[in-house]
Each structure stands twice: as structure tokens, then as C-alpha cells.
Amino acid sequence: MEKVAMTADYVASTDYLKVLISRLRAKIERPGGPRYIATERGLGYRFARPQDLAALGED
């Protein structure tokens, strides 16, 4: 039972983080403009300069 509750809490917290990052992106990034938040699969998110993202192929 405890494992199920922990899993539900984990999923809820990751969804909360996705929504938070999405709202933050909407405030600081404009369509067609530079991106400032990079998604690191398996790690999370990080702020990056647009030229750093372009070098990684994330533009």
C-alpha cells in the first residue's frame, strides 16, 4: 500500500513540475524567439543561453 501511495505522489509531483515549467516558458519565451529552458531527459530542466541550445540542436 505504501509503495502505491509513493508512486501516486511521485507522478503528481512530476506533473506539477511539467505544468510549472510550461507556465514559466510561456512567460519568458515567445513563439519563434529564443528558448531559455532546456529539457534534460532523465535529469530535469536547466536554464541555458540560446546559443548553447543551438549548439546542442535544441533550437
C-alpha atoms as a PDB file:
ATOM      1  CA  MET A   1       0.000   0.000   0.000  1.00  0.00           C
ATOM      2  CA  GLU A   2       2.812   2.428   0.878  1.00  0.00           C
ATOM      3  CA  LYS A   3       4.503   1.847  -2.495  1.00  0.00           C
ATOM      4  CA  VAL A   4       1.283   2.731  -4.351  1.00  0.00           C
ATOM      5  CA  ALA A   5       0.912   5.960  -2.369  1.00  0.00           C
ATOM      6  CA  MET A   6       4.534   6.928  -3.020  1.00  0.00           C
ATOM      7  CA  THR A   7       4.128   6.242  -6.747  1.00  0.00           C
ATOM      8  CA  ALA A   8       0.978   8.373  -6.912  1.00  0.00           C
ATOM      9  CA  ASP A   9       2.759  11.214  -5.093  1.00  0.00           C
ATOM     10  CA  TYR A  10       5.729  10.978  -7.451  1.00  0.00           C
ATOM     11  CA  VAL A  11       3.540  11.112 -10.570  1.00  0.00           C
ATOM     12  CA  ALA A  12       1.582  14.046  -9.169  1.00  0.00           C
ATOM     13  CA  SER A  13       4.793  15.934  -8.378  1.00  0.00           C
ATOM     14  CA  THR A  14       6.263  15.356 -11.854  1.00  0.00           C
ATOM     15  CA  ASP A  15       3.024  16.541 -13.454  1.00  0.00           C
ATOM     16  CA  TYR A  16       3.102  19.605 -11.225  1.00  0.00           C
ATOM     17  CA  LEU A  17       6.657  20.338 -12.339  1.00  0.00           C
ATOM     18  CA  LYS A  18       5.728  19.944 -16.032  1.00  0.00           C
ATOM     19  CA  VAL A  19       2.888  22.445 -15.616  1.00  0.00           C
ATOM     20  CA  LEU A  20       5.141  24.864 -13.736  1.00  0.00           C
ATOM     21  CA  ILE A  21       7.850  24.717 -16.435  1.00  0.00           C
ATOM     22  CA  SER A  22       5.235  25.110 -19.157  1.00  0.00           C
ATOM     23  CA  ARG A  23       3.866  28.258 -17.498  1.00  0.00           C
ATOM     24  CA  LEU A  24       7.365  29.629 -16.975  1.00  0.00           C
ATOM     25  CA  ARG A  25       8.212  29.019 -20.647  1.00  0.00           C
ATOM     26  CA  ALA A  26       5.016  30.812 -21.674  1.00  0.00           C
ATOM     27  CA  LYS A  27       6.106  33.860 -19.690  1.00  0.00           C
ATOM     28  CA  ILE A  28       9.734  34.106 -20.806  1.00  0.00           C
ATOM     29  CA  GLU A  29       9.803  32.504 -24.262  1.00  0.00           C
ATOM     30  CA  ARG A  30       7.967  33.836 -27.286  1.00  0.00           C
ATOM     31  CA  PRO A  31       6.973  31.829 -30.402  1.00  0.00           C
ATOM     32  CA  GLY A  32       9.821  31.950 -32.879  1.00  0.00           C
ATOM     33  CA  GLY A  33      12.105  33.512 -30.274  1.00  0.00           C
ATOM     34  CA  PRO A  34      14.999  32.076 -28.337  1.00  0.00           C
ATOM     35  CA  ARG A  35      14.485  29.251 -25.861  1.00  0.00           C
ATOM     36  CA  TYR A  36      15.926  29.587 -22.375  1.00  0.00           C
ATOM     37  CA  ILE A  37      14.840  26.375 -20.636  1.00  0.00           C
ATOM     38  CA  ALA A  38      16.384  23.102 -21.784  1.00  0.00           C
ATOM     39  CA  THR A  39      14.856  19.729 -21.004  1.00  0.00           C
ATOM     40  CA  GLU A  40      17.451  17.181 -19.927  1.00  0.00           C
ATOM     41  CA  ARG A  41      15.804  13.775 -20.351  1.00  0.00           C
ATOM     42  CA  GLY A  42      16.244  11.693 -17.239  1.00  0.00           C
ATOM     43  CA  LEU A  43      17.658  14.661 -15.316  1.00  0.00           C
ATOM     44  CA  GLY A  44      15.217  17.562 -15.382  1.00  0.00           C
ATOM     45  CA  TYR A  45      15.414  21.137 -16.627  1.00  0.00           C
ATOM     46  CA  ARG A  46      18.086  23.812 -16.810  1.00  0.00           C
ATOM     47  CA  PHE A  47      18.416  27.411 -17.874  1.00  0.00           C
ATOM     48  CA  ALA A  48      20.667  27.882 -20.883  1.00  0.00           C
ATOM     49  CA  ARG A  49      21.777  30.662 -23.169  1.00  0.00           C
ATOM     50  CA  PRO A  50      20.090  30.389 -26.610  1.00  0.00           C
ATOM     51  CA  GLN A  51      23.448  29.858 -28.346  1.00  0.00           C
ATOM     52  CA  ASP A  52      24.158  26.888 -26.026  1.00  0.00           C
ATOM     53  CA  LEU A  53      20.867  25.287 -27.011  1.00  0.00           C
ATOM     54  CA  ALA A  54      21.573  25.869 -30.703  1.00  0.00           C
ATOM     55  CA  ALA A  55      24.902  24.070 -30.324  1.00  0.00           C
ATOM     56  CA  LEU A  56      23.041  21.089 -28.845  1.00  0.00           C
ATOM     57  CA  GLY A  57      20.483  21.112 -31.665  1.00  0.00           C
ATOM     58  CA  GLU A  58      17.585  22.125 -29.409  1.00  0.00           C
ATOM     59  CA  ASP A  59      16.672  25.378 -31.171  1.00  0.00           C
END
